[in-house]
Amino acid sequence: MTTPAEPSVHSVRIDAQPGHASICLDNTPLPEDQITGYVLEHSITTALPTLLLHTRQPGHVQWQGLARVAVVEQADPGPVIAEFLRAINPAALDQAALDRDDLDGSPNELTRAMLAQLIDWAEGRT
């Protein structure tokens, strides 16, 4: 296995309008039908920006190299939900559920109305 090279420095020119971009590397235009997008990233801690090209690759493609990866840890929603439910006034929930105009006389209508009311409140609707 070979060690991937660091990104190399190239002269870059981007002429972009909505829905279209022409990109030249070292004064050589890249085939526009192969470019699907780009990201130009620059940080005040680095000397040069990084250009990430999104390309359309025909046929079978394999890729190996270095990449910066951000791992997002999924937060457990349980504590947030429990906190929300603890703040609910039971009398207010009863009344709000009974006042709903979507009660239809079906089995479990009150439970369904309470759940719908809790969803409304959770989404900021009164």
C-alpha atoms as a PDB file:
ATOM      1  CA  MET A   1       0.000   0.000   0.000  1.00  0.00           C
ATOM      2  CA  THR A   2       1.393   3.393  -0.969  1.00  0.00           C
ATOM      3  CA  THR A   3       1.103   6.470   1.187  1.00  0.00           C
ATOM      4  CA  PRO A   4      -1.262   9.053  -0.328  1.00  0.00           C
ATOM      5  CA  ALA A   5       0.347  12.317  -1.340  1.00  0.00           C
ATOM      6  CA  GLU A   6      -0.617  15.604   0.214  1.00  0.00           C
ATOM      7  CA  PRO A   7      -2.798  17.826  -1.961  1.00  0.00           C
ATOM      8  CA  SER A   8      -0.647  19.656  -4.468  1.00  0.00           C
ATOM      9  CA  VAL A   9      -0.782  23.356  -5.261  1.00  0.00           C
ATOM     10  CA  HIS A  10      -2.336  24.389  -8.574  1.00  0.00           C
ATOM     11  CA  SER A  11      -3.404  27.628 -10.145  1.00  0.00           C
ATOM     12  CA  VAL A  12      -7.216  27.679 -10.045  1.00  0.00           C
ATOM     13  CA  ARG A  13      -9.724  29.799 -11.938  1.00  0.00           C
ATOM     14  CA  ILE A  14     -13.465  29.393 -11.353  1.00  0.00           C
ATOM     15  CA  ASP A  15     -16.083  31.223 -13.400  1.00  0.00           C
ATOM     16  CA  ALA A  16     -19.423  30.355 -11.827  1.00  0.00           C
ATOM     17  CA  GLN A  17     -22.972  31.415 -12.421  1.00  0.00           C
ATOM     18  CA  PRO A  18     -26.122  29.728 -11.080  1.00  0.00           C
ATOM     19  CA  GLY A  19     -26.309  26.251 -12.631  1.00  0.00           C
ATOM     20  CA  HIS A  20     -22.945  26.463 -14.413  1.00  0.00           C
ATOM     21  CA  ALA A  21     -19.257  26.639 -13.565  1.00  0.00           C
ATOM     22  CA  SER A  22     -16.093  26.631 -15.665  1.00  0.00           C
ATOM     23  CA  ILE A  23     -13.033  25.492 -13.747  1.00  0.00           C
ATOM     24  CA  CYS A  24      -9.423  25.688 -14.953  1.00  0.00           C
ATOM     25  CA  LEU A  25      -6.485  24.057 -13.213  1.00  0.00           C
ATOM     26  CA  ASP A  26      -3.095  25.397 -14.265  1.00  0.00           C
ATOM     27  CA  ASN A  27      -4.828  27.170 -17.196  1.00  0.00           C
ATOM     28  CA  THR A  28      -6.304  23.843 -18.416  1.00  0.00           C
ATOM     29  CA  PRO A  29     -10.123  23.782 -18.526  1.00  0.00           C
ATOM     30  CA  LEU A  30     -11.724  20.773 -16.856  1.00  0.00           C
ATOM     31  CA  PRO A  31     -14.393  18.981 -18.917  1.00  0.00           C
ATOM     32  CA  GLU A  32     -17.636  20.704 -17.917  1.00  0.00           C
ATOM     33  CA  ASP A  33     -19.702  17.555 -18.494  1.00  0.00           C
ATOM     34  CA  GLN A  34     -17.660  15.763 -15.819  1.00  0.00           C
ATOM     35  CA  ILE A  35     -17.900  18.425 -13.077  1.00  0.00           C
ATOM     36  CA  THR A  36     -21.054  18.210 -10.947  1.00  0.00           C
ATOM     37  CA  GLY A  37     -19.994  20.655  -8.246  1.00  0.00           C
ATOM     38  CA  TYR A  38     -17.190  22.035  -6.148  1.00  0.00           C
ATOM     39  CA  VAL A  39     -16.441  23.244  -2.640  1.00  0.00           C
ATOM     40  CA  LEU A  40     -13.882  25.942  -2.007  1.00  0.00           C
ATOM     41  CA  GLU A  41     -12.788  25.871   1.619  1.00  0.00           C
ATOM     42  CA  HIS A  42     -10.456  28.277   3.367  1.00  0.00           C
ATOM     43  CA  SER A  43      -9.484  28.666   6.971  1.00  0.00           C
ATOM     44  CA  ILE A  44      -7.571  31.538   8.523  1.00  0.00           C
ATOM     45  CA  THR A  45      -5.156  28.937   9.924  1.00  0.00           C
ATOM     46  CA  THR A  46      -4.090  27.655   6.488  1.00  0.00           C
ATOM     47  CA  ALA A  47      -2.125  29.497   3.844  1.00  0.00           C
ATOM     48  CA  LEU A  48      -4.063  28.261   0.825  1.00  0.00           C
ATOM     49  CA  PRO A  49      -7.699  27.266   0.300  1.00  0.00           C
ATOM     50  CA  THR A  50      -8.667  23.690  -0.546  1.00  0.00           C
ATOM     51  CA  LEU A  51     -10.701  22.985  -3.677  1.00  0.00           C
ATOM     52  CA  LEU A  52     -12.828  19.842  -3.614  1.00  0.00           C
ATOM     53  CA  LEU A  53     -14.180  18.855  -7.018  1.00  0.00           C
ATOM     54  CA  HIS A  54     -17.305  16.726  -7.399  1.00  0.00           C
ATOM     55  CA  THR A  55     -17.015  14.801 -10.642  1.00  0.00           C
ATOM     56  CA  ARG A  56     -19.147  12.425 -12.657  1.00  0.00           C
ATOM     57  CA  GLN A  57     -17.178   9.227 -13.144  1.00  0.00           C
ATOM     58  CA  PRO A  58     -18.144   6.826 -15.940  1.00  0.00           C
ATOM     59  CA  GLY A  59     -17.822   3.103 -15.315  1.00  0.00           C
ATOM     60  CA  HIS A  60     -16.297   1.457 -12.273  1.00  0.00           C
ATOM     61  CA  VAL A  61     -14.472   3.775  -9.881  1.00  0.00           C
ATOM     62  CA  GLN A  62     -12.348   2.959  -6.872  1.00  0.00           C
ATOM     63  CA  TRP A  63     -11.043   5.605  -4.534  1.00  0.00           C
ATOM     64  CA  GLN A  64      -8.396   5.496  -1.878  1.00  0.00           C
ATOM     65  CA  GLY A  65      -6.899   8.431  -0.096  1.00  0.00           C
ATOM     66  CA  LEU A  66      -7.002  10.720   2.860  1.00  0.00           C
ATOM     67  CA  ALA A  67     -10.117  12.577   3.871  1.00  0.00           C
ATOM     68  CA  ARG A  68     -11.192  14.731   6.752  1.00  0.00           C
ATOM     69  CA  VAL A  69     -14.110  12.970   8.410  1.00  0.00           C
ATOM     70  CA  ALA A  70     -16.544  14.435  10.903  1.00  0.00           C
ATOM     71  CA  VAL A  71     -18.370  11.877  13.003  1.00  0.00           C
ATOM     72  CA  VAL A  72     -21.642  13.064  14.443  1.00  0.00           C
ATOM     73  CA  GLU A  73     -22.809  11.175  17.470  1.00  0.00           C
ATOM     74  CA  GLN A  74     -26.581  10.754  17.538  1.00  0.00           C
ATOM     75  CA  ALA A  75     -27.896  12.244  20.755  1.00  0.00           C
ATOM     76  CA  ASP A  76     -30.326  10.176  22.807  1.00  0.00           C
ATOM     77  CA  PRO A  77     -33.681  11.995  22.456  1.00  0.00           C
ATOM     78  CA  GLY A  78     -35.049  10.402  25.643  1.00  0.00           C
ATOM     79  CA  PRO A  79     -33.895  13.059  28.131  1.00  0.00           C
ATOM     80  CA  VAL A  80     -35.191  15.914  25.941  1.00  0.00           C
ATOM     81  CA  ILE A  81     -38.552  14.186  25.497  1.00  0.00           C
ATOM     82  CA  ALA A  82     -38.799  13.452  29.222  1.00  0.00           C
ATOM     83  CA  GLU A  83     -38.041  17.098  30.061  1.00  0.00           C
ATOM     84  CA  PHE A  84     -40.732  18.240  27.616  1.00  0.00           C
ATOM     85  CA  LEU A  85     -43.314  15.864  29.095  1.00  0.00           C
ATOM     86  CA  ARG A  86     -42.472  16.864  32.691  1.00  0.00           C
ATOM     87  CA  ALA A  87     -43.291  20.478  31.788  1.00  0.00           C
ATOM     88  CA  ILE A  88     -46.806  19.570  30.568  1.00  0.00           C
ATOM     89  CA  ASN A  89     -49.678  20.621  32.802  1.00  0.00           C
ATOM     90  CA  PRO A  90     -52.007  17.567  32.868  1.00  0.00           C
ATOM     91  CA  ALA A  91     -55.157  19.691  33.273  1.00  0.00           C
ATOM     92  CA  ALA A  92     -54.128  21.885  30.323  1.00  0.00           C
ATOM     93  CA  LEU A  93     -53.473  18.777  28.203  1.00  0.00           C
ATOM     94  CA  ASP A  94     -56.887  17.301  29.093  1.00  0.00           C
ATOM     95  CA  GLN A  95     -58.657  20.525  28.191  1.00  0.00           C
ATOM     96  CA  ALA A  96     -56.688  21.110  24.998  1.00  0.00           C
ATOM     97  CA  ALA A  97     -57.361  17.556  23.834  1.00  0.00           C
ATOM     98  CA  LEU A  98     -61.086  17.834  24.581  1.00  0.00           C
ATOM     99  CA  ASP A  99     -61.250  21.183  22.759  1.00  0.00           C
ATOM    100  CA  ARG A 100     -59.740  19.791  19.528  1.00  0.00           C
ATOM    101  CA  ASP A 101     -61.957  19.823  16.473  1.00  0.00           C
ATOM    102  CA  ASP A 102     -60.572  16.513  15.196  1.00  0.00           C
ATOM    103  CA  LEU A 103     -62.316  14.340  17.816  1.00  0.00           C
ATOM    104  CA  ASP A 104     -64.340  11.805  15.852  1.00  0.00           C
ATOM    105  CA  GLY A 105     -65.880   9.371  18.362  1.00  0.00           C
ATOM    106  CA  SER A 106     -63.545   6.539  17.343  1.00  0.00           C
ATOM    107  CA  PRO A 107     -61.961   4.208  19.902  1.00  0.00           C
ATOM    108  CA  ASN A 108     -59.025   5.816  21.720  1.00  0.00           C
ATOM    109  CA  GLU A 109     -59.975   9.259  20.400  1.00  0.00           C
ATOM    110  CA  LEU A 110     -58.906  11.006  23.612  1.00  0.00           C
ATOM    111  CA  THR A 111     -55.479   9.345  23.598  1.00  0.00           C
ATOM    112  CA  ARG A 112     -55.083  10.157  19.905  1.00  0.00           C
ATOM    113  CA  ALA A 113     -56.139  13.775  20.594  1.00  0.00           C
ATOM    114  CA  MET A 114     -53.646  14.052  23.499  1.00  0.00           C
ATOM    115  CA  LEU A 115     -50.817  12.724  21.347  1.00  0.00           C
ATOM    116  CA  ALA A 116     -51.761  15.099  18.526  1.00  0.00           C
ATOM    117  CA  GLN A 117     -51.838  17.984  21.018  1.00  0.00           C
ATOM    118  CA  LEU A 118     -48.411  17.042  22.401  1.00  0.00           C
ATOM    119  CA  ILE A 119     -47.033  16.962  18.839  1.00  0.00           C
ATOM    120  CA  ASP A 120     -48.557  20.385  18.159  1.00  0.00           C
ATOM    121  CA  TRP A 121     -46.987  21.804  21.313  1.00  0.00           C
ATOM    122  CA  ALA A 122     -43.613  20.169  20.559  1.00  0.00           C
ATOM    123  CA  GLU A 123     -43.653  21.793  17.098  1.00  0.00           C
ATOM    124  CA  GLY A 124     -44.546  25.172  18.551  1.00  0.00           C
ATOM    125  CA  ARG A 125     -48.206  25.224  17.524  1.00  0.00           C
ATOM    126  CA  THR A 126     -50.775  26.259  20.115  1.00  0.00           C
END
